[in-house]
Amino acid sequence: VAKDLGLQLPEISDRGVRVVSEGRTQYISLHGKTGHLVTAERIDREQLCERVQQCVLRCELIVEGEM
């Protein structure tokens, strides 16, 4: 994520970069030392998309300040 946004790793924490998922459970987070997206919780497809054939997990990346 840091590389894609053109940020250096220290800027990730300085700019309050975070990942926000729909719903209560945050399945994905941002690793502060590497800038990689990582799974924060176990993702159970059957529980998440019980009756839907195409399962999509949506999330947003929030960056504070101007880019």
PDB file of N, CA and C in Angstrom:
ATOM      1  N   VAL A   1       0.829  -1.185   0.000  1.00  0.00           N
ATOM      2  CA  VAL A   1       0.000   0.000   0.000  1.00  0.00           C
ATOM      3  C   VAL A   1       0.876   1.251   0.000  1.00  0.00           C
ATOM      4  N   ALA A   2       1.906   1.252   0.832  1.00  0.00           N
ATOM      5  CA  ALA A   2       2.788   2.420   0.884  1.00  0.00           C
ATOM      6  C   ALA A   2       3.399   2.675  -0.486  1.00  0.00           C
ATOM      7  N   LYS A   3       3.857   1.639  -1.130  1.00  0.00           N
ATOM      8  CA  LYS A   3       4.468   1.771  -2.457  1.00  0.00           C
ATOM      9  C   LYS A   3       3.445   2.283  -3.472  1.00  0.00           C
ATOM     10  N   ASP A   4       2.237   1.725  -3.453  1.00  0.00           N
ATOM     11  CA  ASP A   4       1.193   2.145  -4.388  1.00  0.00           C
ATOM     12  C   ASP A   4       0.797   3.604  -4.195  1.00  0.00           C
ATOM     13  N   LEU A   5       0.825   4.088  -2.962  1.00  0.00           N
ATOM     14  CA  LEU A   5       0.461   5.480  -2.677  1.00  0.00           C
ATOM     15  C   LEU A   5       1.641   6.438  -2.796  1.00  0.00           C
ATOM     16  N   GLY A   6       2.837   5.893  -2.970  1.00  0.00           N
ATOM     17  CA  GLY A   6       4.026   6.735  -3.052  1.00  0.00           C
ATOM     18  C   GLY A   6       4.433   7.300  -1.707  1.00  0.00           C
ATOM     19  N   LEU A   7       4.165   6.551  -0.634  1.00  0.00           N
ATOM     20  CA  LEU A   7       4.514   6.991   0.717  1.00  0.00           C
ATOM     21  C   LEU A   7       5.683   6.169   1.245  1.00  0.00           C
ATOM     22  N   GLN A   8       6.463   6.762   2.114  1.00  0.00           N
ATOM     23  CA  GLN A   8       7.497   6.032   2.829  1.00  0.00           C
ATOM     24  C   GLN A   8       6.836   5.377   4.045  1.00  0.00           C
ATOM     25  N   LEU A   9       7.426   4.301   4.538  1.00  0.00           N
ATOM     26  CA  LEU A   9       6.815   3.568   5.649  1.00  0.00           C
ATOM     27  C   LEU A   9       6.509   4.430   6.874  1.00  0.00           C
ATOM     28  N   PRO A  10       7.398   5.339   7.308  1.00  0.00           N
ATOM     29  CA  PRO A  10       7.043   6.165   8.477  1.00  0.00           C
ATOM     30  C   PRO A  10       5.805   7.031   8.249  1.00  0.00           C
ATOM     31  N   GLU A  11       5.526   7.382   7.000  1.00  0.00           N
ATOM     32  CA  GLU A  11       4.364   8.217   6.707  1.00  0.00           C
ATOM     33  C   GLU A  11       3.047   7.487   6.946  1.00  0.00           C
ATOM     34  N   ILE A  12       3.072   6.159   6.887  1.00  0.00           N
ATOM     35  CA  ILE A  12       1.842   5.400   7.106  1.00  0.00           C
ATOM     36  C   ILE A  12       1.266   5.700   8.480  1.00  0.00           C
ATOM     37  N   SER A  13       2.071   5.661   9.509  1.00  0.00           N
ATOM     38  CA  SER A  13       1.561   5.952  10.852  1.00  0.00           C
ATOM     39  C   SER A  13       1.383   7.454  11.062  1.00  0.00           C
ATOM     40  N   ASP A  14       2.271   8.272  10.492  1.00  0.00           N
ATOM     41  CA  ASP A  14       2.165   9.725  10.643  1.00  0.00           C
ATOM     42  C   ASP A  14       0.881  10.270  10.018  1.00  0.00           C
ATOM     43  N   ARG A  15       0.438   9.673   8.915  1.00  0.00           N
ATOM     44  CA  ARG A  15      -0.745  10.162   8.201  1.00  0.00           C
ATOM     45  C   ARG A  15      -2.006   9.425   8.587  1.00  0.00           C
ATOM     46  N   GLY A  16      -1.915   8.530   9.555  1.00  0.00           N
ATOM     47  CA  GLY A  16      -3.105   7.821  10.035  1.00  0.00           C
ATOM     48  C   GLY A  16      -3.727   6.920   8.987  1.00  0.00           C
ATOM     49  N   VAL A  17      -2.916   6.279   8.157  1.00  0.00           N
ATOM     50  CA  VAL A  17      -3.436   5.381   7.127  1.00  0.00           C
ATOM     51  C   VAL A  17      -4.019   4.152   7.806  1.00  0.00           C
ATOM     52  N   ARG A  18      -5.254   3.802   7.417  1.00  0.00           N
ATOM     53  CA  ARG A  18      -5.905   2.637   7.997  1.00  0.00           C
ATOM     54  C   ARG A  18      -6.894   2.046   7.000  1.00  0.00           C
ATOM     55  N   VAL A  19      -7.250   0.802   7.237  1.00  0.00           N
ATOM     56  CA  VAL A  19      -8.205   0.079   6.397  1.00  0.00           C
ATOM     57  C   VAL A  19      -9.496  -0.075   7.183  1.00  0.00           C
ATOM     58  N   VAL A  20     -10.619   0.213   6.529  1.00  0.00           N
ATOM     59  CA  VAL A  20     -11.923   0.103   7.170  1.00  0.00           C
ATOM     60  C   VAL A  20     -12.780  -0.829   6.326  1.00  0.00           C
ATOM     61  N   SER A  21     -13.345  -1.867   6.957  1.00  0.00           N
ATOM     62  CA  SER A  21     -14.217  -2.829   6.282  1.00  0.00           C
ATOM     63  C   SER A  21     -15.667  -2.515   6.607  1.00  0.00           C
ATOM     64  N   GLU A  22     -16.566  -3.017   5.751  1.00  0.00           N
ATOM     65  CA  GLU A  22     -17.990  -2.895   6.031  1.00  0.00           C
ATOM     66  C   GLU A  22     -18.335  -3.780   7.228  1.00  0.00           C
ATOM     67  N   GLY A  23     -19.295  -3.386   7.999  1.00  0.00           N
ATOM     68  CA  GLY A  23     -19.737  -4.215   9.126  1.00  0.00           C
ATOM     69  C   GLY A  23     -18.867  -4.037  10.355  1.00  0.00           C
ATOM     70  N   ARG A  24     -19.107  -4.881  11.320  1.00  0.00           N
ATOM     71  CA  ARG A  24     -18.407  -4.780  12.604  1.00  0.00           C
ATOM     72  C   ARG A  24     -17.021  -5.400  12.586  1.00  0.00           C
ATOM     73  N   THR A  25     -16.859  -6.468  11.830  1.00  0.00           N
ATOM     74  CA  THR A  25     -15.594  -7.196  11.833  1.00  0.00           C
ATOM     75  C   THR A  25     -14.619  -6.595  10.836  1.00  0.00           C
ATOM     76  N   GLN A  26     -13.430  -6.295  11.300  1.00  0.00           N
ATOM     77  CA  GLN A  26     -12.370  -5.783  10.439  1.00  0.00           C
ATOM     78  C   GLN A  26     -11.511  -6.965   9.999  1.00  0.00           C
ATOM     79  N   TYR A  27     -11.742  -7.435   8.770  1.00  0.00           N
ATOM     80  CA  TYR A  27     -11.047  -8.617   8.273  1.00  0.00           C
ATOM     81  C   TYR A  27      -9.636  -8.310   7.771  1.00  0.00           C
ATOM     82  N   ILE A  28      -9.401  -7.089   7.361  1.00  0.00           N
ATOM     83  CA  ILE A  28      -8.122  -6.710   6.764  1.00  0.00           C
ATOM     84  C   ILE A  28      -7.538  -5.540   7.537  1.00  0.00           C
ATOM     85  N   SER A  29      -6.220  -5.567   7.740  1.00  0.00           N
ATOM     86  CA  SER A  29      -5.546  -4.444   8.384  1.00  0.00           C
ATOM     87  C   SER A  29      -4.265  -4.126   7.621  1.00  0.00           C
ATOM     88  N   LEU A  30      -3.649  -3.057   8.007  1.00  0.00           N
ATOM     89  CA  LEU A  30      -2.421  -2.596   7.371  1.00  0.00           C
ATOM     90  C   LEU A  30      -1.264  -2.844   8.324  1.00  0.00           C
ATOM     91  N   HIS A  31      -0.283  -3.610   7.881  1.00  0.00           N
ATOM     92  CA  HIS A  31       0.893  -3.910   8.706  1.00  0.00           C
ATOM     93  C   HIS A  31       1.765  -2.658   8.742  1.00  0.00           C
ATOM     94  N   GLY A  32       1.948  -2.095   9.914  1.00  0.00           N
ATOM     95  CA  GLY A  32       2.655  -0.817  10.065  1.00  0.00           C
ATOM     96  C   GLY A  32       4.120  -0.841   9.681  1.00  0.00           C
ATOM     97  N   LYS A  33       4.793  -1.969   9.828  1.00  0.00           N
ATOM     98  CA  LYS A  33       6.232  -2.017   9.540  1.00  0.00           C
ATOM     99  C   LYS A  33       6.542  -2.324   8.081  1.00  0.00           C
ATOM    100  N   THR A  34       5.604  -2.981   7.368  1.00  0.00           N
ATOM    101  CA  THR A  34       5.860  -3.342   5.974  1.00  0.00           C
ATOM    102  C   THR A  34       4.991  -2.585   4.982  1.00  0.00           C
ATOM    103  N   GLY A  35       3.849  -2.073   5.438  1.00  0.00           N
ATOM    104  CA  GLY A  35       2.925  -1.396   4.531  1.00  0.00           C
ATOM    105  C   GLY A  35       2.082  -2.364   3.728  1.00  0.00           C
ATOM    106  N   HIS A  36       2.071  -3.646   4.088  1.00  0.00           N
ATOM    107  CA  HIS A  36       1.298  -4.660   3.382  1.00  0.00           C
ATOM    108  C   HIS A  36      -0.088  -4.804   3.991  1.00  0.00           C
ATOM    109  N   LEU A  37      -1.056  -5.198   3.153  1.00  0.00           N
ATOM    110  CA  LEU A  37      -2.366  -5.577   3.657  1.00  0.00           C
ATOM    111  C   LEU A  37      -2.277  -6.988   4.194  1.00  0.00           C
ATOM    112  N   VAL A  38      -2.838  -7.212   5.367  1.00  0.00           N
ATOM    113  CA  VAL A  38      -2.819  -8.539   5.987  1.00  0.00           C
ATOM    114  C   VAL A  38      -4.210  -8.865   6.515  1.00  0.00           C
ATOM    115  N   THR A  39      -4.493 -10.150   6.667  1.00  0.00           N
ATOM    116  CA  THR A  39      -5.774 -10.537   7.251  1.00  0.00           C
ATOM    117  C   THR A  39      -5.698 -10.338   8.764  1.00  0.00           C
ATOM    118  N   ALA A  40      -6.706  -9.687   9.286  1.00  0.00           N
ATOM    119  CA  ALA A  40      -6.754  -9.402  10.719  1.00  0.00           C
ATOM    120  C   ALA A  40      -7.628 -10.406  11.456  1.00  0.00           C
ATOM    121  N   GLU A  41      -8.556 -11.017  10.739  1.00  0.00           N
ATOM    122  CA  GLU A  41      -9.473 -12.008  11.300  1.00  0.00           C
ATOM    123  C   GLU A  41      -9.603 -13.156  10.310  1.00  0.00           C
ATOM    124  N   ARG A  42      -9.986 -14.305  10.810  1.00  0.00           N
ATOM    125  CA  ARG A  42     -10.248 -15.447   9.941  1.00  0.00           C
ATOM    126  C   ARG A  42     -11.435 -15.112   9.048  1.00  0.00           C
ATOM    127  N   ILE A  43     -11.300 -15.354   7.740  1.00  0.00           N
ATOM    128  CA  ILE A  43     -12.368 -15.062   6.781  1.00  0.00           C
ATOM    129  C   ILE A  43     -13.050 -16.375   6.424  1.00  0.00           C
ATOM    130  N   ASP A  44     -14.296 -16.510   6.837  1.00  0.00           N
ATOM    131  CA  ASP A  44     -15.092 -17.705   6.582  1.00  0.00           C
ATOM    132  C   ASP A  44     -16.104 -17.373   5.487  1.00  0.00           C
ATOM    133  N   ARG A  45     -15.836 -17.845   4.270  1.00  0.00           N
ATOM    134  CA  ARG A  45     -16.685 -17.523   3.131  1.00  0.00           C
ATOM    135  C   ARG A  45     -18.127 -17.968   3.363  1.00  0.00           C
ATOM    136  N   GLU A  46     -18.342 -19.147   3.909  1.00  0.00           N
ATOM    137  CA  GLU A  46     -19.692 -19.657   4.130  1.00  0.00           C
ATOM    138  C   GLU A  46     -20.478 -18.780   5.101  1.00  0.00           C
ATOM    139  N   GLN A  47     -19.796 -18.234   6.066  1.00  0.00           N
ATOM    140  CA  GLN A  47     -20.464 -17.358   7.027  1.00  0.00           C
ATOM    141  C   GLN A  47     -20.669 -15.960   6.444  1.00  0.00           C
ATOM    142  N   LEU A  48     -19.691 -15.463   5.727  1.00  0.00           N
ATOM    143  CA  LEU A  48     -19.743 -14.105   5.179  1.00  0.00           C
ATOM    144  C   LEU A  48     -20.725 -13.988   4.014  1.00  0.00           C
ATOM    145  N   CYS A  49     -20.720 -14.952   3.118  1.00  0.00           N
ATOM    146  CA  CYS A  49     -21.546 -14.913   1.899  1.00  0.00           C
ATOM    147  C   CYS A  49     -22.386 -16.176   1.808  1.00  0.00           C
ATOM    148  N   GLU A  50     -23.214 -16.367   2.771  1.00  0.00           N
ATOM    149  CA  GLU A  50     -23.959 -17.612   2.937  1.00  0.00           C
ATOM    150  C   GLU A  50     -24.713 -18.064   1.687  1.00  0.00           C
ATOM    151  N   ARG A  51     -25.479 -17.194   1.077  1.00  0.00           N
ATOM    152  CA  ARG A  51     -26.314 -17.597  -0.065  1.00  0.00           C
ATOM    153  C   ARG A  51     -25.946 -16.866  -1.349  1.00  0.00           C
ATOM    154  N   VAL A  52     -24.776 -16.298  -1.407  1.00  0.00           N
ATOM    155  CA  VAL A  52     -24.350 -15.527  -2.573  1.00  0.00           C
ATOM    156  C   VAL A  52     -23.235 -16.280  -3.282  1.00  0.00           C
ATOM    157  N   GLN A  53     -23.380 -16.433  -4.610  1.00  0.00           N
ATOM    158  CA  GLN A  53     -22.363 -17.174  -5.345  1.00  0.00           C
ATOM    159  C   GLN A  53     -21.066 -16.384  -5.459  1.00  0.00           C
ATOM    160  N   GLN A  54     -21.161 -15.087  -5.761  1.00  0.00           N
ATOM    161  CA  GLN A  54     -19.963 -14.251  -5.865  1.00  0.00           C
ATOM    162  C   GLN A  54     -19.764 -13.532  -4.533  1.00  0.00           C
ATOM    163  N   CYS A  55     -18.682 -13.859  -3.840  1.00  0.00           N
ATOM    164  CA  CYS A  55     -18.410 -13.304  -2.525  1.00  0.00           C
ATOM    165  C   CYS A  55     -17.387 -12.169  -2.647  1.00  0.00           C
ATOM    166  N   VAL A  56     -17.760 -10.988  -2.193  1.00  0.00           N
ATOM    167  CA  VAL A  56     -16.883  -9.824  -2.279  1.00  0.00           C
ATOM    168  C   VAL A  56     -16.727  -9.222  -0.880  1.00  0.00           C
ATOM    169  N   LEU A  57     -15.503  -8.976  -0.501  1.00  0.00           N
ATOM    170  CA  LEU A  57     -15.212  -8.336   0.779  1.00  0.00           C
ATOM    171  C   LEU A  57     -14.734  -6.924   0.487  1.00  0.00           C
ATOM    172  N   ARG A  58     -15.554  -5.953   0.788  1.00  0.00           N
ATOM    173  CA  ARG A  58     -15.223  -4.563   0.477  1.00  0.00           C
ATOM    174  C   ARG A  58     -14.553  -3.880   1.670  1.00  0.00           C
ATOM    175  N   CYS A  59     -13.596  -3.030   1.341  1.00  0.00           N
ATOM    176  CA  CYS A  59     -12.929  -2.238   2.376  1.00  0.00           C
ATOM    177  C   CYS A  59     -12.464  -0.930   1.750  1.00  0.00           C
ATOM    178  N   GLU A  60     -12.183   0.035   2.593  1.00  0.00           N
ATOM    179  CA  GLU A  60     -11.701   1.334   2.152  1.00  0.00           C
ATOM    180  C   GLU A  60     -10.370   1.631   2.842  1.00  0.00           C
ATOM    181  N   LEU A  61      -9.519   2.336   2.144  1.00  0.00           N
ATOM    182  CA  LEU A  61      -8.249   2.782   2.695  1.00  0.00           C
ATOM    183  C   LEU A  61      -8.392   4.266   3.016  1.00  0.00           C
ATOM    184  N   ILE A  62      -8.215   4.623   4.265  1.00  0.00           N
ATOM    185  CA  ILE A  62      -8.349   6.007   4.716  1.00  0.00           C
ATOM    186  C   ILE A  62      -6.939   6.584   4.925  1.00  0.00           C
ATOM    187  N   VAL A  63      -6.689   7.744   4.296  1.00  0.00           N
ATOM    188  CA  VAL A  63      -5.417   8.464   4.465  1.00  0.00           C
ATOM    189  C   VAL A  63      -5.766   9.868   4.903  1.00  0.00           C
ATOM    190  N   GLU A  64      -5.252  10.279   6.056  1.00  0.00           N
ATOM    191  CA  GLU A  64      -5.517  11.626   6.551  1.00  0.00           C
ATOM    192  C   GLU A  64      -4.547  12.616   5.900  1.00  0.00           C
ATOM    193  N   GLY A  65      -5.023  13.811   5.682  1.00  0.00           N
ATOM    194  CA  GLY A  65      -4.187  14.853   5.071  1.00  0.00           C
ATOM    195  C   GLY A  65      -4.248  14.811   3.566  1.00  0.00           C
ATOM    196  N   GLU A  66      -3.615  15.775   2.946  1.00  0.00           N
ATOM    197  CA  GLU A  66      -3.634  15.886   1.485  1.00  0.00           C
ATOM    198  C   GLU A  66      -2.637  14.933   0.847  1.00  0.00           C
ATOM    199  N   MET A  67      -2.986  14.453  -0.343  1.00  0.00           N
ATOM    200  CA  MET A  67      -2.091  13.584  -1.112  1.00  0.00           C
ATOM    201  C   MET A  67      -1.438  14.387  -2.212  1.00  0.00           C
TER     202      MET A  67
END
